[in-house]
């Protein structure tokens, strides 16, 4: 039985978050948490908190063994973009796009 945790409207671009997501996809939860602990990226801390929330959901809702959990699916989707502008020379403006992400982590219990 799988458990899901979502973190929405995270202030990091999905492209940067996917770099960290690809590091831990398909790994066991304890191994993924140790990888994220030593990854020097902003997305590692965000993904770590969401992963621990998914483990807590699995423990509370289905009474599964935490040692047998693995990351079944982890996705970083595009959220809304904040649009700002920066004033430049000769009355021109340069657009600034502040991107956000929606992070979804699905954990499941392995058969072995």
C-alpha atoms as a PDB file:
ATOM      1  CA  UNK A   1       0.000   0.000   0.000  1.00  0.00           C
ATOM      2  CA  UNK A   2       1.484   3.329  -1.008  1.00  0.00           C
ATOM      3  CA  UNK A   3       1.530   6.601   0.921  1.00  0.00           C
ATOM      4  CA  UNK A   4       1.716  10.067  -0.589  1.00  0.00           C
ATOM      5  CA  UNK A   5       3.045  13.422   0.642  1.00  0.00           C
ATOM      6  CA  UNK A   6       2.795  16.679  -1.300  1.00  0.00           C
ATOM      7  CA  UNK A   7       4.491  20.012  -0.824  1.00  0.00           C
ATOM      8  CA  UNK A   8       2.995  22.750  -2.959  1.00  0.00           C
ATOM      9  CA  UNK A   9       4.105  26.264  -3.936  1.00  0.00           C
ATOM     10  CA  UNK A  10       7.776  25.679  -3.076  1.00  0.00           C
ATOM     11  CA  UNK A  11       9.924  28.699  -3.984  1.00  0.00           C
ATOM     12  CA  UNK A  12      12.442  26.823  -6.132  1.00  0.00           C
ATOM     13  CA  UNK A  13      12.316  26.146  -9.843  1.00  0.00           C
ATOM     14  CA  UNK A  14      11.222  22.642 -10.866  1.00  0.00           C
ATOM     15  CA  UNK A  15      14.366  22.219 -12.954  1.00  0.00           C
ATOM     16  CA  UNK A  16      16.593  22.626  -9.893  1.00  0.00           C
ATOM     17  CA  UNK A  17      14.345  20.403  -7.780  1.00  0.00           C
ATOM     18  CA  UNK A  18      14.352  17.599 -10.363  1.00  0.00           C
ATOM     19  CA  UNK A  19      18.157  17.348 -10.084  1.00  0.00           C
ATOM     20  CA  UNK A  20      17.752  16.292  -6.457  1.00  0.00           C
ATOM     21  CA  UNK A  21      14.696  14.118  -7.164  1.00  0.00           C
ATOM     22  CA  UNK A  22      16.655  12.043  -9.678  1.00  0.00           C
ATOM     23  CA  UNK A  23      19.286  11.262  -7.029  1.00  0.00           C
ATOM     24  CA  UNK A  24      16.854   9.384  -4.776  1.00  0.00           C
ATOM     25  CA  UNK A  25      14.228   7.940  -7.143  1.00  0.00           C
ATOM     26  CA  UNK A  26      13.776   4.206  -6.563  1.00  0.00           C
ATOM     27  CA  UNK A  27      16.004   4.035  -3.478  1.00  0.00           C
ATOM     28  CA  UNK A  28      15.148   2.779   0.009  1.00  0.00           C
ATOM     29  CA  UNK A  29      14.002   5.527   2.385  1.00  0.00           C
ATOM     30  CA  UNK A  30      16.927   5.320   4.817  1.00  0.00           C
ATOM     31  CA  UNK A  31      19.430   5.356   1.949  1.00  0.00           C
ATOM     32  CA  UNK A  32      17.641   8.323   0.318  1.00  0.00           C
ATOM     33  CA  UNK A  33      17.648  10.318   3.563  1.00  0.00           C
ATOM     34  CA  UNK A  34      21.383   9.810   3.986  1.00  0.00           C
ATOM     35  CA  UNK A  35      22.000  10.925   0.392  1.00  0.00           C
ATOM     36  CA  UNK A  36      19.875  14.037   0.918  1.00  0.00           C
ATOM     37  CA  UNK A  37      21.629  14.858   4.184  1.00  0.00           C
ATOM     38  CA  UNK A  38      24.949  15.294   2.376  1.00  0.00           C
ATOM     39  CA  UNK A  39      23.653  16.937  -0.806  1.00  0.00           C
ATOM     40  CA  UNK A  40      24.513  20.665  -0.777  1.00  0.00           C
ATOM     41  CA  UNK A  41      21.418  21.905  -2.616  1.00  0.00           C
ATOM     42  CA  UNK A  42      18.364  23.822  -1.440  1.00  0.00           C
ATOM     43  CA  UNK A  43      16.054  21.191  -2.919  1.00  0.00           C
ATOM     44  CA  UNK A  44      17.636  18.463  -0.778  1.00  0.00           C
ATOM     45  CA  UNK A  45      16.239  19.941   2.439  1.00  0.00           C
ATOM     46  CA  UNK A  46      12.782  20.419   0.902  1.00  0.00           C
ATOM     47  CA  UNK A  47      12.722  16.877  -0.481  1.00  0.00           C
ATOM     48  CA  UNK A  48      13.959  15.442   2.807  1.00  0.00           C
ATOM     49  CA  UNK A  49      11.092  17.029   4.756  1.00  0.00           C
ATOM     50  CA  UNK A  50       8.531  15.823   2.208  1.00  0.00           C
ATOM     51  CA  UNK A  51       9.999  12.311   2.267  1.00  0.00           C
ATOM     52  CA  UNK A  52       9.788  12.168   6.061  1.00  0.00           C
ATOM     53  CA  UNK A  53       6.149  13.314   5.821  1.00  0.00           C
ATOM     54  CA  UNK A  54       5.407  10.466   3.372  1.00  0.00           C
ATOM     55  CA  UNK A  55       7.028   7.960   5.763  1.00  0.00           C
ATOM     56  CA  UNK A  56       4.932   9.337   8.627  1.00  0.00           C
ATOM     57  CA  UNK A  57       1.779   9.016   6.501  1.00  0.00           C
ATOM     58  CA  UNK A  58       2.627   5.391   5.720  1.00  0.00           C
ATOM     59  CA  UNK A  59       3.299   4.614   9.381  1.00  0.00           C
ATOM     60  CA  UNK A  60       0.110   6.255  10.633  1.00  0.00           C
ATOM     61  CA  UNK A  61      -2.324   5.110   7.968  1.00  0.00           C
ATOM     62  CA  UNK A  62      -1.220   1.619   6.984  1.00  0.00           C
ATOM     63  CA  UNK A  63       0.978   0.355   9.855  1.00  0.00           C
ATOM     64  CA  UNK A  64       3.833  -0.631   7.546  1.00  0.00           C
ATOM     65  CA  UNK A  65       7.398  -1.529   8.434  1.00  0.00           C
ATOM     66  CA  UNK A  66       9.523   1.604   7.908  1.00  0.00           C
ATOM     67  CA  UNK A  67      12.642  -0.431   7.084  1.00  0.00           C
ATOM     68  CA  UNK A  68      10.969  -1.915   3.992  1.00  0.00           C
ATOM     69  CA  UNK A  69       9.781   1.397   2.489  1.00  0.00           C
ATOM     70  CA  UNK A  70      11.218   2.643  -0.797  1.00  0.00           C
ATOM     71  CA  UNK A  71      10.530   5.669  -2.981  1.00  0.00           C
ATOM     72  CA  UNK A  72       8.131   4.526  -5.652  1.00  0.00           C
ATOM     73  CA  UNK A  73       7.714   7.872  -7.416  1.00  0.00           C
ATOM     74  CA  UNK A  74       8.985  11.409  -6.874  1.00  0.00           C
ATOM     75  CA  UNK A  75       7.907  14.270  -9.149  1.00  0.00           C
ATOM     76  CA  UNK A  76       8.598  17.991  -9.256  1.00  0.00           C
ATOM     77  CA  UNK A  77       5.867  19.721 -11.260  1.00  0.00           C
ATOM     78  CA  UNK A  78       5.597  23.351 -12.270  1.00  0.00           C
ATOM     79  CA  UNK A  79       3.665  25.658  -9.981  1.00  0.00           C
ATOM     80  CA  UNK A  80       2.561  29.221 -10.617  1.00  0.00           C
ATOM     81  CA  UNK A  81       5.207  31.707 -11.728  1.00  0.00           C
ATOM     82  CA  UNK A  82       5.587  35.095 -10.028  1.00  0.00           C
ATOM     83  CA  UNK A  83       6.147  37.753 -12.671  1.00  0.00           C
ATOM     84  CA  UNK A  84       8.305  40.743 -11.760  1.00  0.00           C
ATOM     85  CA  UNK A  85      10.214  43.308 -13.783  1.00  0.00           C
ATOM     86  CA  UNK A  86      13.553  45.026 -13.422  1.00  0.00           C
ATOM     87  CA  UNK A  87      13.909  48.570 -14.749  1.00  0.00           C
ATOM     88  CA  UNK A  88      16.722  48.991 -17.260  1.00  0.00           C
ATOM     89  CA  UNK A  89      18.206  51.779 -19.344  1.00  0.00           C
ATOM     90  CA  UNK A  90      16.127  53.996 -21.640  1.00  0.00           C
ATOM     91  CA  UNK A  91      12.804  53.224 -19.932  1.00  0.00           C
ATOM     92  CA  UNK A  92      12.917  49.524 -20.736  1.00  0.00           C
ATOM     93  CA  UNK A  93      12.005  46.718 -18.359  1.00  0.00           C
ATOM     94  CA  UNK A  94      13.418  43.204 -18.180  1.00  0.00           C
ATOM     95  CA  UNK A  95      11.029  40.462 -17.057  1.00  0.00           C
ATOM     96  CA  UNK A  96      11.982  38.360 -14.043  1.00  0.00           C
ATOM     97  CA  UNK A  97      10.220  35.022 -13.607  1.00  0.00           C
ATOM     98  CA  UNK A  98      10.242  33.609 -10.090  1.00  0.00           C
ATOM     99  CA  UNK A  99       9.254  29.991 -10.559  1.00  0.00           C
ATOM    100  CA  UNK A 100       7.571  27.711  -8.023  1.00  0.00           C
ATOM    101  CA  UNK A 101       7.174  23.942  -7.790  1.00  0.00           C
ATOM    102  CA  UNK A 102       4.802  21.273  -6.573  1.00  0.00           C
ATOM    103  CA  UNK A 103       6.640  18.271  -5.089  1.00  0.00           C
ATOM    104  CA  UNK A 104       5.009  14.837  -4.782  1.00  0.00           C
ATOM    105  CA  UNK A 105       6.640  11.854  -3.053  1.00  0.00           C
ATOM    106  CA  UNK A 106       5.094   8.367  -3.138  1.00  0.00           C
ATOM    107  CA  UNK A 107       6.543   5.627  -0.922  1.00  0.00           C
ATOM    108  CA  UNK A 108       5.599   1.961  -0.999  1.00  0.00           C
ATOM    109  CA  UNK A 109       6.530  -1.180   0.890  1.00  0.00           C
ATOM    110  CA  UNK A 110       8.890  -3.516  -0.946  1.00  0.00           C
ATOM    111  CA  UNK A 111       8.021  -7.170  -1.392  1.00  0.00           C
ATOM    112  CA  UNK A 112      11.367  -8.460  -0.116  1.00  0.00           C
END
